[in-house]
Amino acid sequence: MSDELEHVSVERVEKYLDITRRARQKATPVHANGTQQARDLAVMMRMADDYASDAAHFLSIGDRVRAFGAINYAHAWIDAGVKLGLLDGHGDDVLFTLP
């Protein structure tokens, strides 16, 4: 087994899948539907959802390295939405890098 796989356990990936799921549920849009900001946010959240789905898929086929990378990308999209003021992180500095 390579060194990479020894450090990326199933439990670690599952932990980050859960953290990202909680972040996705907690963060709420700041701007009204129909605004450019809401459209931009929809693109970002689609990217987050796609990467989270990819992470789950990679984990299901045993590719823990790609799963870990994908879930971190997913969380980064959500975190960027908070950082840019498109999402409200509700003061949670554990799930988000707050502005």
PDB file of N, CA and C in Angstrom:
ATOM      1  N   MET A   1       0.848  -1.180   0.000  1.00  0.00           N
ATOM      2  CA  MET A   1       0.000   0.000   0.000  1.00  0.00           C
ATOM      3  C   MET A   1       0.893   1.242   0.000  1.00  0.00           C
ATOM      4  N   SER A   2       0.515   2.214  -0.802  1.00  0.00           N
ATOM      5  CA  SER A   2       1.309   3.437  -0.882  1.00  0.00           C
ATOM      6  C   SER A   2       1.137   4.280   0.372  1.00  0.00           C
ATOM      7  N   ASP A   3       2.075   5.190   0.597  1.00  0.00           N
ATOM      8  CA  ASP A   3       1.994   6.079   1.757  1.00  0.00           C
ATOM      9  C   ASP A   3       0.723   6.924   1.734  1.00  0.00           C
ATOM     10  N   GLU A   4       0.288   7.337   0.526  1.00  0.00           N
ATOM     11  CA  GLU A   4      -0.915   8.167   0.431  1.00  0.00           C
ATOM     12  C   GLU A   4      -2.122   7.455   1.036  1.00  0.00           C
ATOM     13  N   LEU A   5      -2.318   6.198   0.676  1.00  0.00           N
ATOM     14  CA  LEU A   5      -3.484   5.472   1.151  1.00  0.00           C
ATOM     15  C   LEU A   5      -3.434   5.200   2.644  1.00  0.00           C
ATOM     16  N   GLU A   6      -2.267   5.070   3.196  1.00  0.00           N
ATOM     17  CA  GLU A   6      -2.149   4.825   4.625  1.00  0.00           C
ATOM     18  C   GLU A   6      -2.673   6.001   5.433  1.00  0.00           C
ATOM     19  N   HIS A   7      -2.603   7.201   4.890  1.00  0.00           N
ATOM     20  CA  HIS A   7      -3.016   8.400   5.606  1.00  0.00           C
ATOM     21  C   HIS A   7      -4.450   8.818   5.295  1.00  0.00           C
ATOM     22  N   VAL A   8      -5.031   8.266   4.249  1.00  0.00           N
ATOM     23  CA  VAL A   8      -6.398   8.605   3.880  1.00  0.00           C
ATOM     24  C   VAL A   8      -7.277   7.391   4.173  1.00  0.00           C
ATOM     25  N   SER A   9      -7.753   7.346   5.384  1.00  0.00           N
ATOM     26  CA  SER A   9      -8.597   6.229   5.795  1.00  0.00           C
ATOM     27  C   SER A   9     -10.038   6.475   5.353  1.00  0.00           C
ATOM     28  N   VAL A  10     -10.790   5.409   5.317  1.00  0.00           N
ATOM     29  CA  VAL A  10     -12.221   5.519   5.037  1.00  0.00           C
ATOM     30  C   VAL A  10     -12.867   6.439   6.065  1.00  0.00           C
ATOM     31  N   GLU A  11     -12.485   6.281   7.322  1.00  0.00           N
ATOM     32  CA  GLU A  11     -13.057   7.110   8.399  1.00  0.00           C
ATOM     33  C   GLU A  11     -12.765   8.591   8.186  1.00  0.00           C
ATOM     34  N   ARG A  12     -11.561   8.898   7.715  1.00  0.00           N
ATOM     35  CA  ARG A  12     -11.220  10.301   7.462  1.00  0.00           C
ATOM     36  C   ARG A  12     -12.088  10.873   6.351  1.00  0.00           C
ATOM     37  N   VAL A  13     -12.246  10.140   5.279  1.00  0.00           N
ATOM     38  CA  VAL A  13     -13.083  10.623   4.173  1.00  0.00           C
ATOM     39  C   VAL A  13     -14.523  10.777   4.649  1.00  0.00           C
ATOM     40  N   GLU A  14     -15.029   9.798   5.386  1.00  0.00           N
ATOM     41  CA  GLU A  14     -16.399   9.890   5.893  1.00  0.00           C
ATOM     42  C   GLU A  14     -16.580  11.082   6.819  1.00  0.00           C
ATOM     43  N   LYS A  15     -15.567  11.372   7.627  1.00  0.00           N
ATOM     44  CA  LYS A  15     -15.618  12.547   8.508  1.00  0.00           C
ATOM     45  C   LYS A  15     -15.785  13.823   7.681  1.00  0.00           C
ATOM     46  N   TYR A  16     -15.007  13.962   6.620  1.00  0.00           N
ATOM     47  CA  TYR A  16     -15.086  15.167   5.804  1.00  0.00           C
ATOM     48  C   TYR A  16     -16.347  15.204   4.951  1.00  0.00           C
ATOM     49  N   LEU A  17     -16.849  14.051   4.546  1.00  0.00           N
ATOM     50  CA  LEU A  17     -18.156  14.021   3.879  1.00  0.00           C
ATOM     51  C   LEU A  17     -19.226  14.573   4.816  1.00  0.00           C
ATOM     52  N   ASP A  18     -19.171  14.183   6.085  1.00  0.00           N
ATOM     53  CA  ASP A  18     -20.135  14.661   7.073  1.00  0.00           C
ATOM     54  C   ASP A  18     -19.977  16.159   7.334  1.00  0.00           C
ATOM     55  N   ILE A  19     -18.755  16.619   7.498  1.00  0.00           N
ATOM     56  CA  ILE A  19     -18.506  18.050   7.733  1.00  0.00           C
ATOM     57  C   ILE A  19     -19.051  18.876   6.575  1.00  0.00           C
ATOM     58  N   THR A  20     -18.794  18.426   5.371  1.00  0.00           N
ATOM     59  CA  THR A  20     -19.254  19.162   4.193  1.00  0.00           C
ATOM     60  C   THR A  20     -20.775  19.123   4.089  1.00  0.00           C
ATOM     61  N   ARG A  21     -21.386  17.982   4.400  1.00  0.00           N
ATOM     62  CA  ARG A  21     -22.844  17.883   4.398  1.00  0.00           C
ATOM     63  C   ARG A  21     -23.439  18.880   5.398  1.00  0.00           C
ATOM     64  N   ARG A  22     -22.847  18.948   6.594  1.00  0.00           N
ATOM     65  CA  ARG A  22     -23.340  19.881   7.609  1.00  0.00           C
ATOM     66  C   ARG A  22     -23.156  21.329   7.163  1.00  0.00           C
ATOM     67  N   ALA A  23     -22.032  21.628   6.534  1.00  0.00           N
ATOM     68  CA  ALA A  23     -21.790  22.989   6.035  1.00  0.00           C
ATOM     69  C   ALA A  23     -22.812  23.360   4.963  1.00  0.00           C
ATOM     70  N   ARG A  24     -23.088  22.416   4.076  1.00  0.00           N
ATOM     71  CA  ARG A  24     -24.045  22.655   2.989  1.00  0.00           C
ATOM     72  C   ARG A  24     -25.434  22.922   3.561  1.00  0.00           C
ATOM     73  N   GLN A  25     -25.802  22.213   4.612  1.00  0.00           N
ATOM     74  CA  GLN A  25     -27.111  22.407   5.235  1.00  0.00           C
ATOM     75  C   GLN A  25     -27.195  23.699   6.030  1.00  0.00           C
ATOM     76  N   LYS A  26     -26.100  24.086   6.648  1.00  0.00           N
ATOM     77  CA  LYS A  26     -26.130  25.249   7.542  1.00  0.00           C
ATOM     78  C   LYS A  26     -26.081  26.575   6.788  1.00  0.00           C
ATOM     79  N   ALA A  27     -25.263  26.641   5.770  1.00  0.00           N
ATOM     80  CA  ALA A  27     -25.089  27.898   5.035  1.00  0.00           C
ATOM     81  C   ALA A  27     -26.364  28.241   4.263  1.00  0.00           C
ATOM     82  N   THR A  28     -26.783  29.486   4.368  1.00  0.00           N
ATOM     83  CA  THR A  28     -27.995  29.917   3.683  1.00  0.00           C
ATOM     84  C   THR A  28     -27.685  31.089   2.755  1.00  0.00           C
ATOM     85  N   PRO A  29     -28.394  31.148   1.627  1.00  0.00           N
ATOM     86  CA  PRO A  29     -28.164  32.234   0.668  1.00  0.00           C
ATOM     87  C   PRO A  29     -28.468  33.593   1.285  1.00  0.00           C
ATOM     88  N   VAL A  30     -27.693  34.564   0.880  1.00  0.00           N
ATOM     89  CA  VAL A  30     -27.856  35.931   1.377  1.00  0.00           C
ATOM     90  C   VAL A  30     -28.724  36.750   0.424  1.00  0.00           C
ATOM     91  N   HIS A  31     -28.600  36.503  -0.868  1.00  0.00           N
ATOM     92  CA  HIS A  31     -29.267  37.339  -1.878  1.00  0.00           C
ATOM     93  C   HIS A  31     -30.543  36.680  -2.398  1.00  0.00           C
ATOM     94  N   ALA A  32     -31.483  37.514  -2.801  1.00  0.00           N
ATOM     95  CA  ALA A  32     -32.776  37.045  -3.293  1.00  0.00           C
ATOM     96  C   ALA A  32     -32.630  36.297  -4.614  1.00  0.00           C
ATOM     97  N   ASN A  33     -33.532  35.328  -4.813  1.00  0.00           N
ATOM     98  CA  ASN A  33     -33.576  34.619  -6.095  1.00  0.00           C
ATOM     99  C   ASN A  33     -33.743  35.619  -7.232  1.00  0.00           C
ATOM    100  N   GLY A  34     -33.129  35.310  -8.354  1.00  0.00           N
ATOM    101  CA  GLY A  34     -33.239  36.171  -9.526  1.00  0.00           C
ATOM    102  C   GLY A  34     -32.121  37.190  -9.648  1.00  0.00           C
ATOM    103  N   THR A  35     -31.370  37.408  -8.570  1.00  0.00           N
ATOM    104  CA  THR A  35     -30.252  38.355  -8.638  1.00  0.00           C
ATOM    105  C   THR A  35     -29.027  37.672  -9.249  1.00  0.00           C
ATOM    106  N   GLN A  36     -28.116  38.471  -9.722  1.00  0.00           N
ATOM    107  CA  GLN A  36     -26.875  37.913 -10.271  1.00  0.00           C
ATOM    108  C   GLN A  36     -26.115  37.134  -9.199  1.00  0.00           C
ATOM    109  N   GLN A  37     -26.126  37.646  -7.975  1.00  0.00           N
ATOM    110  CA  GLN A  37     -25.438  36.944  -6.892  1.00  0.00           C
ATOM    111  C   GLN A  37     -26.057  35.561  -6.650  1.00  0.00           C
ATOM    112  N   ALA A  38     -27.366  35.469  -6.708  1.00  0.00           N
ATOM    113  CA  ALA A  38     -28.047  34.183  -6.524  1.00  0.00           C
ATOM    114  C   ALA A  38     -27.702  33.222  -7.660  1.00  0.00           C
ATOM    115  N   ARG A  39     -27.609  33.745  -8.872  1.00  0.00           N
ATOM    116  CA  ARG A  39     -27.219  32.897 -10.008  1.00  0.00           C
ATOM    117  C   ARG A  39     -25.782  32.426  -9.855  1.00  0.00           C
ATOM    118  N   ASP A  40     -24.895  33.322  -9.424  1.00  0.00           N
ATOM    119  CA  ASP A  40     -23.495  32.937  -9.192  1.00  0.00           C
ATOM    120  C   ASP A  40     -23.404  31.873  -8.100  1.00  0.00           C
ATOM    121  N   LEU A  41     -24.168  32.060  -7.040  1.00  0.00           N
ATOM    122  CA  LEU A  41     -24.174  31.098  -5.952  1.00  0.00           C
ATOM    123  C   LEU A  41     -24.689  29.738  -6.419  1.00  0.00           C
ATOM    124  N   ALA A  42     -25.696  29.729  -7.271  1.00  0.00           N
ATOM    125  CA  ALA A  42     -26.235  28.459  -7.775  1.00  0.00           C
ATOM    126  C   ALA A  42     -25.146  27.666  -8.512  1.00  0.00           C
ATOM    127  N   VAL A  43     -24.325  28.367  -9.270  1.00  0.00           N
ATOM    128  CA  VAL A  43     -23.208  27.708  -9.965  1.00  0.00           C
ATOM    129  C   VAL A  43     -22.239  27.123  -8.945  1.00  0.00           C
ATOM    130  N   MET A  44     -21.912  27.905  -7.931  1.00  0.00           N
ATOM    131  CA  MET A  44     -20.974  27.444  -6.905  1.00  0.00           C
ATOM    132  C   MET A  44     -21.521  26.236  -6.153  1.00  0.00           C
ATOM    133  N   MET A  45     -22.799  26.263  -5.811  1.00  0.00           N
ATOM    134  CA  MET A  45     -23.374  25.159  -5.059  1.00  0.00           C
ATOM    135  C   MET A  45     -23.508  23.910  -5.930  1.00  0.00           C
ATOM    136  N   ARG A  46     -23.731  24.101  -7.218  1.00  0.00           N
ATOM    137  CA  ARG A  46     -23.751  22.944  -8.130  1.00  0.00           C
ATOM    138  C   ARG A  46     -22.372  22.294  -8.164  1.00  0.00           C
ATOM    139  N   MET A  47     -21.329  23.115  -8.186  1.00  0.00           N
ATOM    140  CA  MET A  47     -19.961  22.577  -8.146  1.00  0.00           C
ATOM    141  C   MET A  47     -19.734  21.825  -6.838  1.00  0.00           C
ATOM    142  N   ALA A  48     -20.159  22.406  -5.721  1.00  0.00           N
ATOM    143  CA  ALA A  48     -20.002  21.746  -4.424  1.00  0.00           C
ATOM    144  C   ALA A  48     -20.736  20.410  -4.409  1.00  0.00           C
ATOM    145  N   ASP A  49     -21.960  20.400  -4.900  1.00  0.00           N
ATOM    146  CA  ASP A  49     -22.749  19.172  -4.904  1.00  0.00           C
ATOM    147  C   ASP A  49     -22.131  18.117  -5.825  1.00  0.00           C
ATOM    148  N   ASP A  50     -21.645  18.552  -6.979  1.00  0.00           N
ATOM    149  CA  ASP A  50     -21.020  17.605  -7.909  1.00  0.00           C
ATOM    150  C   ASP A  50     -19.756  16.991  -7.310  1.00  0.00           C
ATOM    151  N   TYR A  51     -18.933  17.820  -6.685  1.00  0.00           N
ATOM    152  CA  TYR A  51     -17.719  17.289  -6.057  1.00  0.00           C
ATOM    153  C   TYR A  51     -18.051  16.371  -4.888  1.00  0.00           C
ATOM    154  N   ALA A  52     -19.065  16.698  -4.106  1.00  0.00           N
ATOM    155  CA  ALA A  52     -19.470  15.820  -2.999  1.00  0.00           C
ATOM    156  C   ALA A  52     -19.958  14.478  -3.541  1.00  0.00           C
ATOM    157  N   SER A  53     -20.714  14.518  -4.623  1.00  0.00           N
ATOM    158  CA  SER A  53     -21.173  13.287  -5.259  1.00  0.00           C
ATOM    159  C   SER A  53     -19.989  12.479  -5.780  1.00  0.00           C
ATOM    160  N   ASP A  54     -19.039  13.165  -6.402  1.00  0.00           N
ATOM    161  CA  ASP A  54     -17.834  12.484  -6.874  1.00  0.00           C
ATOM    162  C   ASP A  54     -17.085  11.828  -5.719  1.00  0.00           C
ATOM    163  N   ALA A  55     -16.991  12.534  -4.600  1.00  0.00           N
ATOM    164  CA  ALA A  55     -16.291  11.992  -3.432  1.00  0.00           C
ATOM    165  C   ALA A  55     -16.953  10.707  -2.960  1.00  0.00           C
ATOM    166  N   ALA A  56     -18.268  10.714  -2.873  1.00  0.00           N
ATOM    167  CA  ALA A  56     -18.992   9.513  -2.448  1.00  0.00           C
ATOM    168  C   ALA A  56     -18.761   8.364  -3.435  1.00  0.00           C
ATOM    169  N   HIS A  57     -18.767   8.692  -4.724  1.00  0.00           N
ATOM    170  CA  HIS A  57     -18.515   7.666  -5.739  1.00  0.00           C
ATOM    171  C   HIS A  57     -17.109   7.096  -5.591  1.00  0.00           C
ATOM    172  N   PHE A  58     -16.116   7.965  -5.490  1.00  0.00           N
ATOM    173  CA  PHE A  58     -14.738   7.484  -5.364  1.00  0.00           C
ATOM    174  C   PHE A  58     -14.578   6.620  -4.111  1.00  0.00           C
ATOM    175  N   LEU A  59     -15.205   7.025  -3.020  1.00  0.00           N
ATOM    176  CA  LEU A  59     -15.120   6.229  -1.796  1.00  0.00           C
ATOM    177  C   LEU A  59     -15.763   4.853  -2.015  1.00  0.00           C
ATOM    178  N   SER A  60     -16.871   4.819  -2.733  1.00  0.00           N
ATOM    179  CA  SER A  60     -17.578   3.549  -2.948  1.00  0.00           C
ATOM    180  C   SER A  60     -16.771   2.562  -3.784  1.00  0.00           C
ATOM    181  N   ILE A  61     -15.850   3.080  -4.603  1.00  0.00           N
ATOM    182  CA  ILE A  61     -15.016   2.168  -5.405  1.00  0.00           C
ATOM    183  C   ILE A  61     -13.634   1.987  -4.798  1.00  0.00           C
ATOM    184  N   GLY A  62     -13.454   2.521  -3.590  1.00  0.00           N
ATOM    185  CA  GLY A  62     -12.204   2.307  -2.871  1.00  0.00           C
ATOM    186  C   GLY A  62     -11.082   3.271  -3.196  1.00  0.00           C
ATOM    187  N   ASP A  63     -11.381   4.327  -3.938  1.00  0.00           N
ATOM    188  CA  ASP A  63     -10.351   5.313  -4.292  1.00  0.00           C
ATOM    189  C   ASP A  63     -10.389   6.440  -3.254  1.00  0.00           C
ATOM    190  N   ARG A  64      -9.756   6.186  -2.123  1.00  0.00           N
ATOM    191  CA  ARG A  64      -9.806   7.111  -0.995  1.00  0.00           C
ATOM    192  C   ARG A  64      -9.078   8.419  -1.269  1.00  0.00           C
ATOM    193  N   VAL A  65      -8.009   8.371  -2.039  1.00  0.00           N
ATOM    194  CA  VAL A  65      -7.252   9.599  -2.329  1.00  0.00           C
ATOM    195  C   VAL A  65      -8.106  10.555  -3.147  1.00  0.00           C
ATOM    196  N   ARG A  66      -8.715  10.056  -4.207  1.00  0.00           N
ATOM    197  CA  ARG A  66      -9.572  10.927  -5.023  1.00  0.00           C
ATOM    198  C   ARG A  66     -10.809  11.362  -4.237  1.00  0.00           C
ATOM    199  N   ALA A  67     -11.347  10.483  -3.406  1.00  0.00           N
ATOM    200  CA  ALA A  67     -12.504  10.841  -2.578  1.00  0.00           C
ATOM    201  C   ALA A  67     -12.151  11.997  -1.644  1.00  0.00           C
ATOM    202  N   PHE A  68     -10.996  11.912  -1.019  1.00  0.00           N
ATOM    203  CA  PHE A  68     -10.565  12.964  -0.094  1.00  0.00           C
ATOM    204  C   PHE A  68     -10.346  14.281  -0.833  1.00  0.00           C
ATOM    205  N   GLY A  69      -9.724  14.209  -1.996  1.00  0.00           N
ATOM    206  CA  GLY A  69      -9.534  15.422  -2.787  1.00  0.00           C
ATOM    207  C   GLY A  69     -10.851  16.045  -3.200  1.00  0.00           C
ATOM    208  N   ALA A  70     -11.774  15.217  -3.667  1.00  0.00           N
ATOM    209  CA  ALA A  70     -13.057  15.732  -4.143  1.00  0.00           C
ATOM    210  C   ALA A  70     -13.870  16.362  -3.021  1.00  0.00           C
ATOM    211  N   ILE A  71     -13.881  15.755  -1.844  1.00  0.00           N
ATOM    212  CA  ILE A  71     -14.691  16.328  -0.772  1.00  0.00           C
ATOM    213  C   ILE A  71     -14.085  17.639  -0.285  1.00  0.00           C
ATOM    214  N   ASN A  72     -12.780  17.763  -0.354  1.00  0.00           N
ATOM    215  CA  ASN A  72     -12.167  19.039   0.011  1.00  0.00           C
ATOM    216  C   ASN A  72     -12.486  20.123  -1.011  1.00  0.00           C
ATOM    217  N   TYR A  73     -12.555  19.778  -2.282  1.00  0.00           N
ATOM    218  CA  TYR A  73     -12.999  20.743  -3.292  1.00  0.00           C
ATOM    219  C   TYR A  73     -14.441  21.152  -3.017  1.00  0.00           C
ATOM    220  N   ALA A  74     -15.297  20.186  -2.695  1.00  0.00           N
ATOM    221  CA  ALA A  74     -16.706  20.491  -2.416  1.00  0.00           C
ATOM    222  C   ALA A  74     -16.816  21.499  -1.283  1.00  0.00           C
ATOM    223  N   HIS A  75     -16.091  21.220  -0.211  1.00  0.00           N
ATOM    224  CA  HIS A  75     -16.170  22.122   0.942  1.00  0.00           C
ATOM    225  C   HIS A  75     -15.611  23.503   0.591  1.00  0.00           C
ATOM    226  N   ALA A  76     -14.585  23.531  -0.214  1.00  0.00           N
ATOM    227  CA  ALA A  76     -13.989  24.817  -0.610  1.00  0.00           C
ATOM    228  C   ALA A  76     -14.987  25.694  -1.360  1.00  0.00           C
ATOM    229  N   TRP A  77     -15.823  25.092  -2.213  1.00  0.00           N
ATOM    230  CA  TRP A  77     -16.838  25.880  -2.916  1.00  0.00           C
ATOM    231  C   TRP A  77     -17.831  26.494  -1.933  1.00  0.00           C
ATOM    232  N   ILE A  78     -18.247  25.721  -0.946  1.00  0.00           N
ATOM    233  CA  ILE A  78     -19.181  26.235   0.060  1.00  0.00           C
ATOM    234  C   ILE A  78     -18.510  27.330   0.886  1.00  0.00           C
ATOM    235  N   ASP A  79     -17.303  27.072   1.310  1.00  0.00           N
ATOM    236  CA  ASP A  79     -16.550  28.037   2.108  1.00  0.00           C
ATOM    237  C   ASP A  79     -16.335  29.334   1.331  1.00  0.00           C
ATOM    238  N   ALA A  80     -16.072  29.212   0.042  1.00  0.00           N
ATOM    239  CA  ALA A  80     -15.894  30.412  -0.789  1.00  0.00           C
ATOM    240  C   ALA A  80     -17.186  31.221  -0.849  1.00  0.00           C
ATOM    241  N   GLY A  81     -18.321  30.539  -0.909  1.00  0.00           N
ATOM    242  CA  GLY A  81     -19.602  31.246  -0.906  1.00  0.00           C
ATOM    243  C   GLY A  81     -19.797  32.064   0.355  1.00  0.00           C
ATOM    244  N   VAL A  82     -19.376  31.515   1.487  1.00  0.00           N
ATOM    245  CA  VAL A  82     -19.443  32.258   2.750  1.00  0.00           C
ATOM    246  C   VAL A  82     -18.454  33.412   2.725  1.00  0.00           C
ATOM    247  N   LYS A  83     -17.243  33.135   2.318  1.00  0.00           N
ATOM    248  CA  LYS A  83     -16.191  34.150   2.315  1.00  0.00           C
ATOM    249  C   LYS A  83     -16.553  35.327   1.408  1.00  0.00           C
ATOM    250  N   LEU A  84     -17.200  35.037   0.287  1.00  0.00           N
ATOM    251  CA  LEU A  84     -17.584  36.090  -0.663  1.00  0.00           C
ATOM    252  C   LEU A  84     -18.880  36.806  -0.283  1.00  0.00           C
ATOM    253  N   GLY A  85     -19.516  36.361   0.791  1.00  0.00           N
ATOM    254  CA  GLY A  85     -20.757  37.003   1.224  1.00  0.00           C
ATOM    255  C   GLY A  85     -21.981  36.569   0.442  1.00  0.00           C
ATOM    256  N   LEU A  86     -21.901  35.449  -0.266  1.00  0.00           N
ATOM    257  CA  LEU A  86     -23.055  34.924  -0.984  1.00  0.00           C
ATOM    258  C   LEU A  86     -23.869  33.977  -0.096  1.00  0.00           C
ATOM    259  N   LEU A  87     -23.209  33.412   0.908  1.00  0.00           N
ATOM    260  CA  LEU A  87     -23.850  32.536   1.887  1.00  0.00           C
ATOM    261  C   LEU A  87     -23.607  33.084   3.282  1.00  0.00           C
ATOM    262  N   ASP A  88     -24.571  32.872   4.144  1.00  0.00           N
ATOM    263  CA  ASP A  88     -24.412  33.215   5.553  1.00  0.00           C
ATOM    264  C   ASP A  88     -23.976  31.953   6.289  1.00  0.00           C
ATOM    265  N   GLY A  89     -22.809  32.012   6.921  1.00  0.00           N
ATOM    266  CA  GLY A  89     -22.300  30.886   7.686  1.00  0.00           C
ATOM    267  C   GLY A  89     -22.781  30.874   9.124  1.00  0.00           C
ATOM    268  N   HIS A  90     -23.622  31.837   9.481  1.00  0.00           N
ATOM    269  CA  HIS A  90     -24.238  31.911  10.809  1.00  0.00           C
ATOM    270  C   HIS A  90     -23.215  31.873  11.943  1.00  0.00           C
ATOM    271  N   GLY A  91     -22.074  32.526  11.702  1.00  0.00           N
ATOM    272  CA  GLY A  91     -21.062  32.667  12.743  1.00  0.00           C
ATOM    273  C   GLY A  91     -20.302  31.400  13.077  1.00  0.00           C
ATOM    274  N   ASP A  92     -20.469  30.342  12.286  1.00  0.00           N
ATOM    275  CA  ASP A  92     -19.822  29.062  12.581  1.00  0.00           C
ATOM    276  C   ASP A  92     -18.389  29.058  12.041  1.00  0.00           C
ATOM    277  N   ASP A  93     -17.436  29.282  12.951  1.00  0.00           N
ATOM    278  CA  ASP A  93     -16.039  29.324  12.513  1.00  0.00           C
ATOM    279  C   ASP A  93     -15.377  27.947  12.561  1.00  0.00           C
ATOM    280  N   VAL A  94     -16.166  26.905  12.783  1.00  0.00           N
ATOM    281  CA  VAL A  94     -15.658  25.540  12.675  1.00  0.00           C
ATOM    282  C   VAL A  94     -15.926  25.021  11.261  1.00  0.00           C
ATOM    283  N   LEU A  95     -17.115  25.245  10.756  1.00  0.00           N
ATOM    284  CA  LEU A  95     -17.455  24.783   9.413  1.00  0.00           C
ATOM    285  C   LEU A  95     -16.966  25.706   8.305  1.00  0.00           C
ATOM    286  N   PHE A  96     -16.735  26.968   8.633  1.00  0.00           N
ATOM    287  CA  PHE A  96     -16.418  27.957   7.601  1.00  0.00           C
ATOM    288  C   PHE A  96     -15.244  28.841   7.988  1.00  0.00           C
ATOM    289  N   THR A  97     -14.576  29.373   6.986  1.00  0.00           N
ATOM    290  CA  THR A  97     -13.618  30.450   7.185  1.00  0.00           C
ATOM    291  C   THR A  97     -14.419  31.734   7.066  1.00  0.00           C
ATOM    292  N   LEU A  98     -14.711  32.338   8.170  1.00  0.00           N
ATOM    293  CA  LEU A  98     -15.607  33.494   8.158  1.00  0.00           C
ATOM    294  C   LEU A  98     -14.869  34.753   7.682  1.00  0.00           C
ATOM    295  N   PRO A  99     -15.658  35.638   7.035  1.00  0.00           N
ATOM    296  CA  PRO A  99     -15.059  36.899   6.557  1.00  0.00           C
ATOM    297  C   PRO A  99     -14.458  37.713   7.684  1.00  0.00           C
TER     298      PRO A  99
END
